[in-house]
Amino acid sequence: MNTRFAAFLAVSAALSLPQLLAAAPLDAVLAALAAEERAPSERVHLRFEREGIADVYLIDRIKFGAGPARIHMVKNPGPAQQELIAVDGVQWLRTATGWERSPATQATTVGASMIGVFRNGMTEVVENTPVGSGDQRKRRFSGRISWANGVTQHSGRIALSVDKKGRPSAIAFDGQCGTRPCRFQQLFDYDATFTIEPPKL
């Protein structure tokens, strides 16, 4: 996890759920993202579309204390899928000839924190009418967001749903990636039971 967000995470970890519910819209969004980063495990379904071409990513993550997370990622599930497993600083990439082993990249072992992106780039944040009831009740937030990925600027509308436990359940973006229209939808599941182990070579 990026150390520059440690202070914020420490503060948000000390907040009770009622305090989070009473927070200003952007503060509530940042607290939800911090809760997602602290989750011991999660299963993410990400669909990214640019100029009518869609890619689907299935990402499992398990966190062990302060060490690097274990990650299993599949891109475009099916006969031609791409697959990556990262465990304890080592990653395996599935190729046409089998698994290739190499040191895990920083992006794989640490992961990109969304907190800084939202804190620095989300504007016009409002809380919308919640949906569902009881344990299925979700708070909803929306606004505009912009961020840079290298030299490419991204900007557009962003919407986020937060579950009863204060964690993101869905994030949706619709806007521009550089000069091209793009959109993505990210769904989160924190209750799935799974393990991530090195592939059997």
Protein backbone atom coordinates (compact mmCIF):
# COMPACT_ATOMS: atom_id res chain seq x y z
CA MET A 1 0.00 0.00 0.00
CA ASN A 2 1.33 3.48 -0.80
CA THR A 3 2.87 5.00 2.33
CA ARG A 4 1.69 8.53 1.54
CA PHE A 5 -1.86 7.42 2.32
CA ALA A 6 -0.94 5.86 5.66
CA ALA A 7 -2.04 8.87 7.71
CA PHE A 8 -5.41 9.02 6.00
CA LEU A 9 -5.97 5.30 6.44
CA ALA A 10 -5.11 5.53 10.12
CA VAL A 11 -7.72 8.25 10.61
CA SER A 12 -10.41 6.47 8.61
CA ALA A 13 -9.72 3.20 10.45
CA ALA A 14 -10.53 4.96 13.73
CA LEU A 15 -13.92 6.19 12.50
CA SER A 16 -17.02 4.25 13.48
CA LEU A 17 -19.67 3.40 10.88
CA PRO A 18 -22.03 6.12 12.21
CA GLN A 19 -19.21 8.64 11.83
CA LEU A 20 -18.62 7.50 8.25
CA LEU A 21 -22.32 7.82 7.49
CA ALA A 22 -22.27 11.39 8.73
CA ALA A 23 -19.18 12.38 6.72
CA ALA A 24 -19.27 14.84 3.84
CA PRO A 25 -19.74 13.19 0.41
CA LEU A 26 -16.07 13.22 -0.67
CA ASP A 27 -14.92 12.16 2.80
CA ALA A 28 -17.38 9.25 2.70
CA VAL A 29 -16.09 8.20 -0.73
CA LEU A 30 -12.46 8.29 0.45
CA ALA A 31 -13.33 6.34 3.60
CA ALA A 32 -15.06 3.68 1.47
CA LEU A 33 -11.99 3.35 -0.75
CA ALA A 34 -9.80 3.03 2.35
CA ALA A 35 -12.09 0.26 3.63
CA GLU A 36 -11.71 -1.54 0.29
CA GLU A 37 -7.92 -1.40 0.59
CA ARG A 38 -8.08 -2.82 4.12
CA ALA A 39 -10.34 -5.73 3.11
CA PRO A 40 -8.54 -9.05 3.70
CA SER A 41 -9.84 -10.42 0.40
CA GLU A 42 -11.93 -9.29 -2.53
CA ARG A 43 -13.11 -10.45 -5.92
CA VAL A 44 -13.39 -7.73 -8.59
CA HIS A 45 -15.17 -7.86 -11.95
CA LEU A 46 -13.96 -5.03 -14.21
CA ARG A 47 -15.34 -4.29 -17.67
CA PHE A 48 -13.43 -1.62 -19.62
CA GLU A 49 -14.70 -0.36 -22.97
CA ARG A 50 -12.97 1.98 -25.41
CA GLU A 51 -14.29 2.85 -28.85
CA GLY A 52 -16.72 -0.07 -28.74
CA ILE A 53 -14.08 -2.66 -27.83
CA ALA A 54 -14.52 -4.22 -24.38
CA ASP A 55 -12.08 -6.08 -22.14
CA VAL A 56 -13.16 -7.99 -19.03
CA TYR A 57 -10.89 -8.56 -16.04
CA LEU A 58 -11.56 -10.95 -13.15
CA ILE A 59 -9.27 -10.08 -10.24
CA ASP A 60 -8.96 -11.98 -6.96
CA ARG A 61 -6.88 -10.45 -4.18
CA ILE A 62 -5.91 -11.80 -0.76
CA LYS A 63 -3.99 -9.63 1.68
CA PHE A 64 -1.67 -11.09 4.34
CA GLY A 65 -0.68 -8.54 7.00
CA ALA A 66 1.82 -5.96 5.76
CA GLY A 67 3.20 -8.20 3.01
CA PRO A 68 2.30 -8.03 -0.68
CA ALA A 69 -1.15 -9.20 -1.65
CA ARG A 70 -1.69 -12.44 -3.52
CA ILE A 71 -3.35 -11.74 -6.87
CA HIS A 72 -4.98 -13.89 -9.53
CA MET A 73 -6.07 -11.99 -12.64
CA VAL A 74 -7.77 -13.28 -15.78
CA LYS A 75 -8.30 -11.04 -18.80
CA ASN A 76 -11.14 -11.88 -21.19
CA PRO A 77 -12.07 -15.31 -19.80
CA GLY A 78 -12.29 -17.96 -22.49
CA PRO A 79 -10.06 -20.03 -24.78
CA ALA A 80 -7.76 -17.07 -25.53
CA GLN A 81 -7.71 -15.64 -22.02
CA GLN A 82 -4.63 -14.07 -20.46
CA GLU A 83 -3.86 -15.10 -16.88
CA LEU A 84 -1.48 -13.90 -14.19
CA ILE A 85 -0.80 -15.11 -10.64
CA ALA A 86 1.34 -13.19 -8.13
CA VAL A 87 2.39 -14.78 -4.82
CA ASP A 88 5.07 -13.59 -2.38
CA GLY A 89 6.89 -11.31 -4.82
CA VAL A 90 6.87 -13.78 -7.71
CA GLN A 91 4.50 -13.73 -10.67
CA TRP A 92 3.54 -16.35 -13.24
CA LEU A 93 2.14 -15.41 -16.65
CA ARG A 94 0.33 -18.07 -18.66
CA THR A 95 1.57 -18.25 -22.25
CA ALA A 96 0.92 -20.55 -25.19
CA THR A 97 3.83 -22.75 -24.03
CA GLY A 98 3.00 -22.76 -20.32
CA TRP A 99 3.66 -20.61 -17.26
CA GLU A 100 6.51 -18.07 -17.30
CA ARG A 101 7.93 -17.13 -13.90
CA SER A 102 9.48 -13.73 -13.09
CA PRO A 103 9.77 -11.22 -10.21
CA ALA A 104 6.44 -9.51 -9.63
CA THR A 105 6.27 -5.90 -10.81
CA GLN A 106 5.56 -3.14 -8.30
CA ALA A 107 2.13 -2.59 -9.84
CA THR A 108 1.31 -6.24 -9.17
CA THR A 109 2.71 -6.48 -5.64
CA VAL A 110 1.52 -3.11 -4.36
CA GLY A 111 -1.40 -2.22 -6.56
CA ALA A 112 -2.51 1.26 -7.48
CA SER A 113 -4.36 3.09 -4.72
CA MET A 114 -7.56 4.76 -5.86
CA ILE A 115 -7.61 7.06 -2.83
CA GLY A 116 -5.17 9.59 -4.28
CA VAL A 117 -6.97 9.60 -7.65
CA PHE A 118 -10.32 10.36 -6.05
CA ARG A 119 -8.97 12.77 -3.45
CA ASN A 120 -7.08 14.87 -6.01
CA GLY A 121 -9.39 14.49 -8.99
CA MET A 122 -13.02 14.06 -7.88
CA THR A 123 -15.14 17.22 -7.94
CA GLU A 124 -18.81 18.18 -7.83
CA VAL A 125 -19.39 15.27 -5.43
CA VAL A 126 -22.99 14.70 -4.34
CA GLU A 127 -24.75 11.95 -2.45
CA ASN A 128 -27.69 10.54 -4.35
CA THR A 129 -30.77 8.72 -3.11
CA PRO A 130 -29.79 5.35 -1.60
CA VAL A 131 -31.10 2.11 -3.04
CA GLY A 132 -32.22 -1.09 -1.32
CA SER A 133 -33.10 -1.61 2.34
CA GLY A 134 -31.73 -3.42 5.36
CA ASP A 135 -28.47 -5.24 4.70
CA GLN A 136 -28.89 -4.54 0.97
CA ARG A 137 -29.07 -0.77 1.41
CA LYS A 138 -26.42 1.09 -0.57
CA ARG A 139 -25.36 4.72 -0.44
CA ARG A 140 -24.73 6.27 -3.86
CA PHE A 141 -22.35 9.07 -4.79
CA SER A 142 -21.58 10.75 -8.10
CA GLY A 143 -19.47 13.56 -9.51
CA ARG A 144 -16.75 14.35 -12.00
CA ILE A 145 -13.22 12.97 -11.97
CA SER A 146 -9.98 13.53 -13.83
CA TRP A 147 -6.57 11.89 -13.56
CA ALA A 148 -3.45 11.34 -15.62
CA ASN A 149 -1.98 7.97 -16.57
CA GLY A 150 1.45 8.87 -17.86
CA VAL A 151 0.85 11.51 -20.52
CA THR A 152 -2.77 10.46 -21.10
CA GLN A 153 -5.45 12.51 -19.38
CA HIS A 154 -8.72 10.88 -18.34
CA SER A 155 -11.89 12.77 -17.38
CA GLY A 156 -15.62 12.18 -17.14
CA ARG A 157 -18.50 11.27 -14.85
CA ILE A 158 -18.01 8.84 -11.98
CA ALA A 159 -20.54 7.04 -9.78
CA LEU A 160 -19.92 4.90 -6.73
CA SER A 161 -22.13 2.66 -4.56
CA VAL A 162 -21.19 1.88 -0.95
CA ASP A 163 -22.47 -1.16 0.91
CA LYS A 164 -23.81 -1.40 4.45
CA LYS A 165 -20.30 -2.00 5.81
CA GLY A 166 -18.93 1.16 4.20
CA ARG A 167 -17.10 -0.53 1.29
CA PRO A 168 -17.48 0.14 -2.44
CA SER A 169 -19.83 -2.32 -4.12
CA ALA A 170 -19.65 -0.75 -7.60
CA ILE A 171 -17.81 2.04 -9.44
CA ALA A 172 -18.82 3.25 -12.91
CA PHE A 173 -17.01 5.76 -15.16
CA ASP A 174 -18.07 7.29 -18.47
CA GLY A 175 -15.85 9.83 -20.21
CA GLN A 176 -12.66 10.31 -22.22
CA CYS A 177 -9.35 8.45 -22.13
CA GLY A 178 -7.08 10.87 -23.94
CA THR A 179 -8.98 11.73 -27.13
CA ARG A 180 -11.07 8.54 -27.13
CA PRO A 181 -14.39 7.84 -25.43
CA CYS A 182 -14.17 5.15 -22.77
CA ARG A 183 -16.11 3.70 -19.87
CA PHE A 184 -15.71 1.08 -17.19
CA GLN A 185 -17.73 -0.68 -14.54
CA GLN A 186 -16.11 -2.28 -11.50
CA LEU A 187 -18.03 -4.64 -9.18
CA PHE A 188 -16.71 -5.78 -5.79
CA ASP A 189 -17.41 -8.96 -3.78
CA TYR A 190 -15.83 -9.24 -0.32
CA ASP A 191 -17.51 -12.41 0.92
CA ALA A 192 -16.25 -14.98 -1.56
CA THR A 193 -14.12 -17.80 -0.13
CA PHE A 194 -11.11 -18.61 -2.29
CA THR A 195 -7.37 -19.28 -2.16
CA ILE A 196 -4.55 -18.15 -4.43
CA GLU A 197 -1.58 -20.48 -4.85
CA PRO A 198 1.31 -20.68 -7.36
CA PRO A 199 0.40 -22.65 -10.48
CA LYS A 200 1.34 -26.29 -10.67
CA LEU A 201 4.10 -26.44 -13.27
